Each structure stands twice: as C-alpha cells, then as structure tokens.
Amino acid sequence: QVQLVESGGGLVQAGGSLRLSCAASGSIFSINTMGWYRQAPGKERELVAIVTSGGNTNYVGSVKGRFTISRDNAKNTVYLQMNSLKPEDTAVYLCNAEVKENYYSPYMYYWGKGALVTVSS
C-alpha cells in the first residue's frame, strides 16, 4: 500500500506565503506525475499544479507567477511553494501521485487526505 501525507497547511494573512509538502511512503518502485489539487467550499476540485518525473510543470492560470511546484525524487516528496496568497486561495489542498509499486504493476493514482490552507483578508 502507498500513503501520501501532506504537511505545511495553516492560517496566513493575504500577501503571505506557505510551503506545502507531500511525502509518499510504502511500496514504491517509481513515481510518475505528482500534483496538487484544491477544493474550496461549494466548489469543485481543481488541479492547481503538476510536475512530471522529468521536471516539466503546469499550473492553473490563477496561480501562475505565485505558486511553484517542485519535487525531490530521493525523498519521494513533492512541494508547493505558495507566495502572494489571496483569500481566494483558501481551500483544502490535496496531494496526488501516480505510483508504480513494482516492476510488474501498472501506475495507479493515490491521494493524500488533504491540508487546509486559510488566507485571511
């Protein structure tokens, strides 16, 4: 089994910064794409940022220039650096990863439980 555990959420004032971390553990042969999603109250879950195993990144338009996704393959960890935070960024942020548990297994999606980020005005 594979587990993803987020950390780094909390309360911050508008204009401030937070750094989220997500560490994968368990049976891991390799990890392909890793990403961050978020879900605000009353809204559907949306993709915030993704990073491929080769280091290519993509972001939702509303966070471009403010958020940076990165990964440390040696630690099986993905990060989301969030700067210039706005109240509209308030949401539960969830980590996602495509994990291959062994050579013979297909890639499967795993999710963390989520980290709450609250941005006050």
N, C-alpha and C. Protein backbone atom coordinates (compact mmCIF):
# COMPACT_ATOMS: atom_id res chain seq x y z
N GLN A 1 0.85 -1.19 0.00
CA GLN A 1 0.00 0.00 0.00
C GLN A 1 0.88 1.24 0.00
N VAL A 2 0.37 2.31 -0.57
CA VAL A 2 1.07 3.58 -0.67
C VAL A 2 0.31 4.63 0.11
N GLN A 3 1.03 5.45 0.84
CA GLN A 3 0.43 6.55 1.58
C GLN A 3 1.04 7.87 1.14
N LEU A 4 0.21 8.91 1.05
CA LEU A 4 0.65 10.27 0.80
C LEU A 4 0.22 11.11 1.99
N VAL A 5 1.16 11.82 2.59
CA VAL A 5 0.87 12.63 3.77
C VAL A 5 1.29 14.06 3.52
N GLU A 6 0.32 14.99 3.58
CA GLU A 6 0.59 16.40 3.39
C GLU A 6 0.95 17.06 4.72
N SER A 7 1.72 18.14 4.63
CA SER A 7 2.03 18.95 5.79
C SER A 7 2.29 20.38 5.33
N GLY A 8 2.21 21.32 6.27
CA GLY A 8 2.52 22.71 5.97
C GLY A 8 1.33 23.63 5.83
N GLY A 9 0.12 23.12 5.93
CA GLY A 9 -1.05 23.97 5.86
C GLY A 9 -1.21 24.81 7.11
N GLY A 10 -2.11 25.79 7.03
CA GLY A 10 -2.34 26.64 8.17
C GLY A 10 -3.03 27.93 7.80
N LEU A 11 -2.99 28.88 8.73
CA LEU A 11 -3.60 30.19 8.55
C LEU A 11 -2.54 31.22 8.24
N VAL A 12 -2.79 32.03 7.22
CA VAL A 12 -1.85 33.07 6.82
C VAL A 12 -2.63 34.28 6.33
N GLN A 13 -2.05 35.47 6.51
CA GLN A 13 -2.68 36.69 6.03
C GLN A 13 -2.46 36.87 4.53
N ALA A 14 -3.36 37.59 3.89
CA ALA A 14 -3.21 37.88 2.47
C ALA A 14 -1.85 38.51 2.20
N GLY A 15 -1.21 38.05 1.14
CA GLY A 15 0.13 38.51 0.80
C GLY A 15 1.23 37.67 1.38
N GLY A 16 0.90 36.77 2.28
CA GLY A 16 1.89 35.92 2.91
C GLY A 16 2.21 34.69 2.10
N SER A 17 3.02 33.80 2.69
CA SER A 17 3.48 32.61 2.00
C SER A 17 3.33 31.37 2.87
N LEU A 18 3.17 30.24 2.22
CA LEU A 18 3.17 28.93 2.85
C LEU A 18 3.84 27.94 1.92
N ARG A 19 4.42 26.91 2.50
CA ARG A 19 5.01 25.84 1.70
C ARG A 19 4.40 24.50 2.12
N LEU A 20 3.72 23.85 1.19
CA LEU A 20 3.15 22.55 1.43
C LEU A 20 4.12 21.46 1.02
N SER A 21 4.12 20.37 1.78
CA SER A 21 4.93 19.20 1.45
C SER A 21 4.03 17.98 1.40
N CYS A 22 4.39 17.02 0.57
CA CYS A 22 3.66 15.76 0.48
C CYS A 22 4.67 14.64 0.29
N ALA A 23 4.76 13.76 1.27
CA ALA A 23 5.71 12.65 1.24
C ALA A 23 4.99 11.34 0.96
N ALA A 24 5.47 10.61 -0.02
CA ALA A 24 4.93 9.30 -0.35
C ALA A 24 5.74 8.21 0.34
N SER A 25 5.07 7.21 0.87
CA SER A 25 5.74 6.11 1.53
C SER A 25 5.01 4.80 1.25
N GLY A 26 5.67 3.68 1.55
CA GLY A 26 5.10 2.38 1.32
C GLY A 26 5.83 1.65 0.20
N SER A 27 5.09 0.84 -0.55
CA SER A 27 5.67 0.07 -1.65
C SER A 27 5.75 0.96 -2.88
N ILE A 28 6.96 1.42 -3.19
CA ILE A 28 7.16 2.36 -4.30
C ILE A 28 8.31 1.88 -5.18
N PHE A 29 8.01 1.55 -6.42
CA PHE A 29 9.03 1.24 -7.41
C PHE A 29 9.44 2.51 -8.16
N SER A 30 8.45 3.28 -8.56
CA SER A 30 8.71 4.55 -9.22
C SER A 30 7.47 5.42 -9.14
N ILE A 31 7.66 6.72 -9.29
CA ILE A 31 6.58 7.68 -9.28
C ILE A 31 6.63 8.50 -10.56
N ASN A 32 5.51 8.58 -11.26
CA ASN A 32 5.44 9.37 -12.47
C ASN A 32 5.04 10.81 -12.11
N THR A 33 3.87 11.23 -12.52
CA THR A 33 3.43 12.59 -12.26
C THR A 33 2.99 12.75 -10.80
N MET A 34 3.32 13.90 -10.21
CA MET A 34 2.83 14.29 -8.90
C MET A 34 2.14 15.64 -9.04
N GLY A 35 1.13 15.88 -8.22
CA GLY A 35 0.41 17.13 -8.36
C GLY A 35 -0.32 17.55 -7.11
N TRP A 36 -0.82 18.78 -7.17
CA TRP A 36 -1.63 19.35 -6.10
C TRP A 36 -2.98 19.77 -6.65
N TYR A 37 -4.04 19.38 -5.96
CA TYR A 37 -5.39 19.79 -6.25
C TYR A 37 -5.91 20.59 -5.06
N ARG A 38 -6.99 21.34 -5.27
CA ARG A 38 -7.61 22.04 -4.16
C ARG A 38 -9.12 22.06 -4.34
N GLN A 39 -9.81 22.14 -3.22
CA GLN A 39 -11.26 22.22 -3.23
C GLN A 39 -11.71 23.23 -2.19
N ALA A 40 -12.33 24.30 -2.66
CA ALA A 40 -12.87 25.33 -1.79
C ALA A 40 -14.33 25.01 -1.47
N PRO A 41 -14.87 25.57 -0.39
CA PRO A 41 -16.26 25.30 -0.02
C PRO A 41 -17.22 25.65 -1.16
N GLY A 42 -18.09 24.71 -1.49
CA GLY A 42 -19.08 24.93 -2.52
C GLY A 42 -18.56 24.87 -3.94
N LYS A 43 -17.30 24.54 -4.13
CA LYS A 43 -16.72 24.48 -5.47
C LYS A 43 -16.19 23.08 -5.76
N GLU A 44 -16.03 22.79 -7.05
CA GLU A 44 -15.48 21.51 -7.46
C GLU A 44 -13.96 21.50 -7.30
N ARG A 45 -13.42 20.31 -7.15
CA ARG A 45 -11.99 20.15 -7.04
C ARG A 45 -11.32 20.57 -8.34
N GLU A 46 -10.22 21.30 -8.24
CA GLU A 46 -9.50 21.73 -9.42
C GLU A 46 -8.02 21.40 -9.30
N LEU A 47 -7.40 21.17 -10.44
CA LEU A 47 -5.96 20.94 -10.49
C LEU A 47 -5.25 22.27 -10.32
N VAL A 48 -4.31 22.32 -9.38
CA VAL A 48 -3.53 23.53 -9.14
C VAL A 48 -2.21 23.49 -9.89
N ALA A 49 -1.48 22.40 -9.74
CA ALA A 49 -0.16 22.28 -10.37
C ALA A 49 0.23 20.82 -10.47
N ILE A 50 1.01 20.49 -11.50
CA ILE A 50 1.55 19.15 -11.66
C ILE A 50 3.02 19.25 -12.05
N VAL A 51 3.77 18.20 -11.72
CA VAL A 51 5.16 18.11 -12.13
C VAL A 51 5.41 16.66 -12.57
N THR A 52 6.00 16.49 -13.74
CA THR A 52 6.28 15.15 -14.26
C THR A 52 7.58 14.63 -13.67
N SER A 53 7.85 13.35 -13.93
CA SER A 53 9.10 12.76 -13.45
C SER A 53 10.31 13.42 -14.07
N GLY A 54 10.13 14.02 -15.25
CA GLY A 54 11.21 14.72 -15.91
C GLY A 54 11.35 16.18 -15.51
N GLY A 55 10.46 16.66 -14.63
CA GLY A 55 10.56 18.01 -14.13
C GLY A 55 9.72 19.05 -14.86
N ASN A 56 8.93 18.64 -15.85
CA ASN A 56 8.05 19.59 -16.51
C ASN A 56 6.88 19.94 -15.61
N THR A 57 6.47 21.21 -15.64
CA THR A 57 5.41 21.68 -14.75
C THR A 57 4.29 22.37 -15.51
N ASN A 58 3.09 22.36 -14.92
CA ASN A 58 1.94 23.09 -15.43
C ASN A 58 1.15 23.62 -14.25
N TYR A 59 0.51 24.77 -14.43
CA TYR A 59 -0.24 25.43 -13.37
C TYR A 59 -1.59 25.92 -13.89
N VAL A 60 -2.56 25.97 -13.00
CA VAL A 60 -3.81 26.62 -13.33
C VAL A 60 -3.53 28.13 -13.43
N GLY A 61 -4.22 28.80 -14.34
CA GLY A 61 -3.92 30.19 -14.62
C GLY A 61 -3.94 31.12 -13.41
N SER A 62 -4.81 30.87 -12.46
CA SER A 62 -4.97 31.75 -11.32
C SER A 62 -3.78 31.76 -10.36
N VAL A 63 -2.87 30.78 -10.46
CA VAL A 63 -1.73 30.72 -9.55
C VAL A 63 -0.40 30.94 -10.26
N LYS A 64 -0.41 31.08 -11.57
CA LYS A 64 0.83 31.27 -12.31
C LYS A 64 1.55 32.53 -11.84
N GLY A 65 2.84 32.39 -11.61
CA GLY A 65 3.64 33.50 -11.12
C GLY A 65 3.66 33.62 -9.61
N ARG A 66 2.77 32.92 -8.92
CA ARG A 66 2.71 32.97 -7.46
C ARG A 66 3.09 31.64 -6.80
N PHE A 67 2.71 30.52 -7.41
CA PHE A 67 2.97 29.20 -6.86
C PHE A 67 4.07 28.52 -7.66
N THR A 68 4.86 27.68 -6.98
CA THR A 68 5.89 26.89 -7.62
C THR A 68 5.83 25.45 -7.11
N ILE A 69 5.70 24.50 -8.03
CA ILE A 69 5.71 23.10 -7.66
C ILE A 69 7.10 22.52 -7.94
N SER A 70 7.57 21.66 -7.06
CA SER A 70 8.86 21.02 -7.23
C SER A 70 8.82 19.65 -6.57
N ARG A 71 9.85 18.84 -6.82
CA ARG A 71 9.89 17.51 -6.23
C ARG A 71 11.31 17.10 -5.89
N ASP A 72 11.43 16.24 -4.90
CA ASP A 72 12.69 15.64 -4.51
C ASP A 72 12.51 14.14 -4.65
N ASN A 73 13.01 13.58 -5.74
CA ASN A 73 12.80 12.16 -6.02
C ASN A 73 13.46 11.24 -4.99
N ALA A 74 14.57 11.67 -4.42
CA ALA A 74 15.24 10.86 -3.42
C ALA A 74 14.40 10.71 -2.16
N LYS A 75 13.54 11.70 -1.89
CA LYS A 75 12.68 11.68 -0.72
C LYS A 75 11.23 11.33 -1.05
N ASN A 76 10.93 11.06 -2.33
CA ASN A 76 9.56 10.79 -2.77
C ASN A 76 8.60 11.87 -2.28
N THR A 77 9.02 13.11 -2.43
CA THR A 77 8.28 14.23 -1.89
C THR A 77 8.04 15.30 -2.95
N VAL A 78 6.85 15.87 -2.94
CA VAL A 78 6.50 16.99 -3.81
C VAL A 78 6.16 18.19 -2.93
N TYR A 79 6.52 19.38 -3.40
CA TYR A 79 6.31 20.60 -2.65
C TYR A 79 5.47 21.58 -3.45
N LEU A 80 4.81 22.47 -2.75
CA LEU A 80 4.10 23.57 -3.38
C LEU A 80 4.41 24.84 -2.60
N GLN A 81 5.25 25.69 -3.16
CA GLN A 81 5.57 26.97 -2.57
C GLN A 81 4.52 27.97 -3.01
N MET A 82 3.81 28.57 -2.06
CA MET A 82 2.72 29.48 -2.35
C MET A 82 3.07 30.87 -1.83
N ASN A 83 3.24 31.81 -2.74
CA ASN A 83 3.56 33.19 -2.40
C ASN A 83 2.41 34.11 -2.79
N SER A 84 2.42 35.32 -2.22
CA SER A 84 1.39 36.32 -2.52
C SER A 84 -0.01 35.73 -2.42
N LEU A 85 -0.26 35.05 -1.33
CA LEU A 85 -1.54 34.35 -1.16
C LEU A 85 -2.71 35.33 -1.09
N LYS A 86 -3.83 34.89 -1.64
CA LYS A 86 -5.05 35.65 -1.68
C LYS A 86 -6.16 34.90 -0.95
N PRO A 87 -7.17 35.60 -0.44
CA PRO A 87 -8.29 34.89 0.20
C PRO A 87 -8.93 33.84 -0.71
N GLU A 88 -8.91 34.07 -2.01
CA GLU A 88 -9.47 33.12 -2.96
C GLU A 88 -8.70 31.80 -3.01
N ASP A 89 -7.49 31.77 -2.44
CA ASP A 89 -6.70 30.54 -2.39
C ASP A 89 -7.13 29.63 -1.25
N THR A 90 -7.99 30.10 -0.37
CA THR A 90 -8.45 29.30 0.75
C THR A 90 -9.13 28.03 0.25
N ALA A 91 -8.64 26.88 0.71
CA ALA A 91 -9.16 25.60 0.26
C ALA A 91 -8.45 24.46 0.99
N VAL A 92 -8.98 23.27 0.82
CA VAL A 92 -8.27 22.07 1.21
C VAL A 92 -7.40 21.65 0.03
N TYR A 93 -6.11 21.52 0.27
CA TYR A 93 -5.17 21.16 -0.77
C TYR A 93 -4.83 19.68 -0.65
N LEU A 94 -4.98 18.94 -1.74
CA LEU A 94 -4.76 17.51 -1.75
C LEU A 94 -3.61 17.13 -2.67
N CYS A 95 -2.79 16.23 -2.21
CA CYS A 95 -1.67 15.73 -2.97
C CYS A 95 -2.09 14.50 -3.76
N ASN A 96 -1.58 14.38 -4.98
CA ASN A 96 -1.87 13.24 -5.84
C ASN A 96 -0.59 12.75 -6.49
N ALA A 97 -0.48 11.43 -6.68
CA ALA A 97 0.71 10.88 -7.32
C ALA A 97 0.36 9.60 -8.08
N GLU A 98 1.02 9.41 -9.21
CA GLU A 98 0.95 8.16 -9.96
C GLU A 98 2.12 7.29 -9.51
N VAL A 99 1.81 6.15 -8.91
CA VAL A 99 2.83 5.30 -8.30
C VAL A 99 2.81 3.90 -8.90
N LYS A 100 3.99 3.40 -9.24
CA LYS A 100 4.17 2.02 -9.69
C LYS A 100 4.80 1.27 -8.53
N GLU A 101 4.09 0.28 -7.98
CA GLU A 101 4.53 -0.37 -6.76
C GLU A 101 5.64 -1.39 -6.99
N ASN A 102 5.69 -2.02 -8.16
CA ASN A 102 6.77 -2.92 -8.53
C ASN A 102 6.88 -2.96 -10.04
N TYR A 103 7.88 -3.69 -10.54
CA TYR A 103 8.14 -3.73 -11.98
C TYR A 103 6.94 -4.20 -12.79
N TYR A 104 6.15 -5.11 -12.24
CA TYR A 104 5.04 -5.73 -12.96
C TYR A 104 3.72 -4.99 -12.79
N SER A 105 3.67 -3.98 -11.93
CA SER A 105 2.44 -3.28 -11.64
C SER A 105 2.23 -2.10 -12.57
N PRO A 106 0.96 -1.76 -12.84
CA PRO A 106 0.69 -0.53 -13.58
C PRO A 106 0.78 0.68 -12.66
N TYR A 107 0.84 1.86 -13.25
CA TYR A 107 0.76 3.06 -12.44
C TYR A 107 -0.67 3.23 -11.94
N MET A 108 -0.79 3.61 -10.67
CA MET A 108 -2.09 3.87 -10.06
C MET A 108 -2.05 5.21 -9.35
N TYR A 109 -3.22 5.83 -9.24
CA TYR A 109 -3.33 7.13 -8.58
C TYR A 109 -3.56 6.96 -7.09
N TYR A 110 -2.85 7.76 -6.29
CA TYR A 110 -3.03 7.79 -4.85
C TYR A 110 -3.25 9.22 -4.41
N TRP A 111 -4.01 9.37 -3.32
CA TRP A 111 -4.37 10.69 -2.81
C TRP A 111 -4.02 10.83 -1.34
N GLY A 112 -3.60 12.02 -0.96
CA GLY A 112 -3.46 12.34 0.45
C GLY A 112 -4.81 12.74 1.03
N LYS A 113 -4.87 12.91 2.33
CA LYS A 113 -6.11 13.27 3.00
C LYS A 113 -6.43 14.75 2.90
N GLY A 114 -5.45 15.57 2.64
CA GLY A 114 -5.66 16.99 2.45
C GLY A 114 -5.09 17.85 3.57
N ALA A 115 -4.71 19.06 3.21
CA ALA A 115 -4.22 20.06 4.16
C ALA A 115 -5.00 21.35 3.96
N LEU A 116 -5.51 21.91 5.05
CA LEU A 116 -6.31 23.12 4.97
C LEU A 116 -5.42 24.35 4.94
N VAL A 117 -5.65 25.20 3.95
CA VAL A 117 -4.98 26.49 3.83
C VAL A 117 -6.04 27.57 3.93
N THR A 118 -5.90 28.46 4.91
CA THR A 118 -6.84 29.55 5.11
C THR A 118 -6.10 30.88 4.99
N VAL A 119 -6.55 31.73 4.08
CA VAL A 119 -5.93 33.02 3.85
C VAL A 119 -6.91 34.10 4.27
N SER A 120 -6.54 34.89 5.27
CA SER A 120 -7.40 35.94 5.78
C SER A 120 -7.14 37.25 5.05
N SER A 121 -8.16 38.09 4.95
CA SER A 121 -8.05 39.37 4.27
C SER A 121 -7.62 40.47 5.21
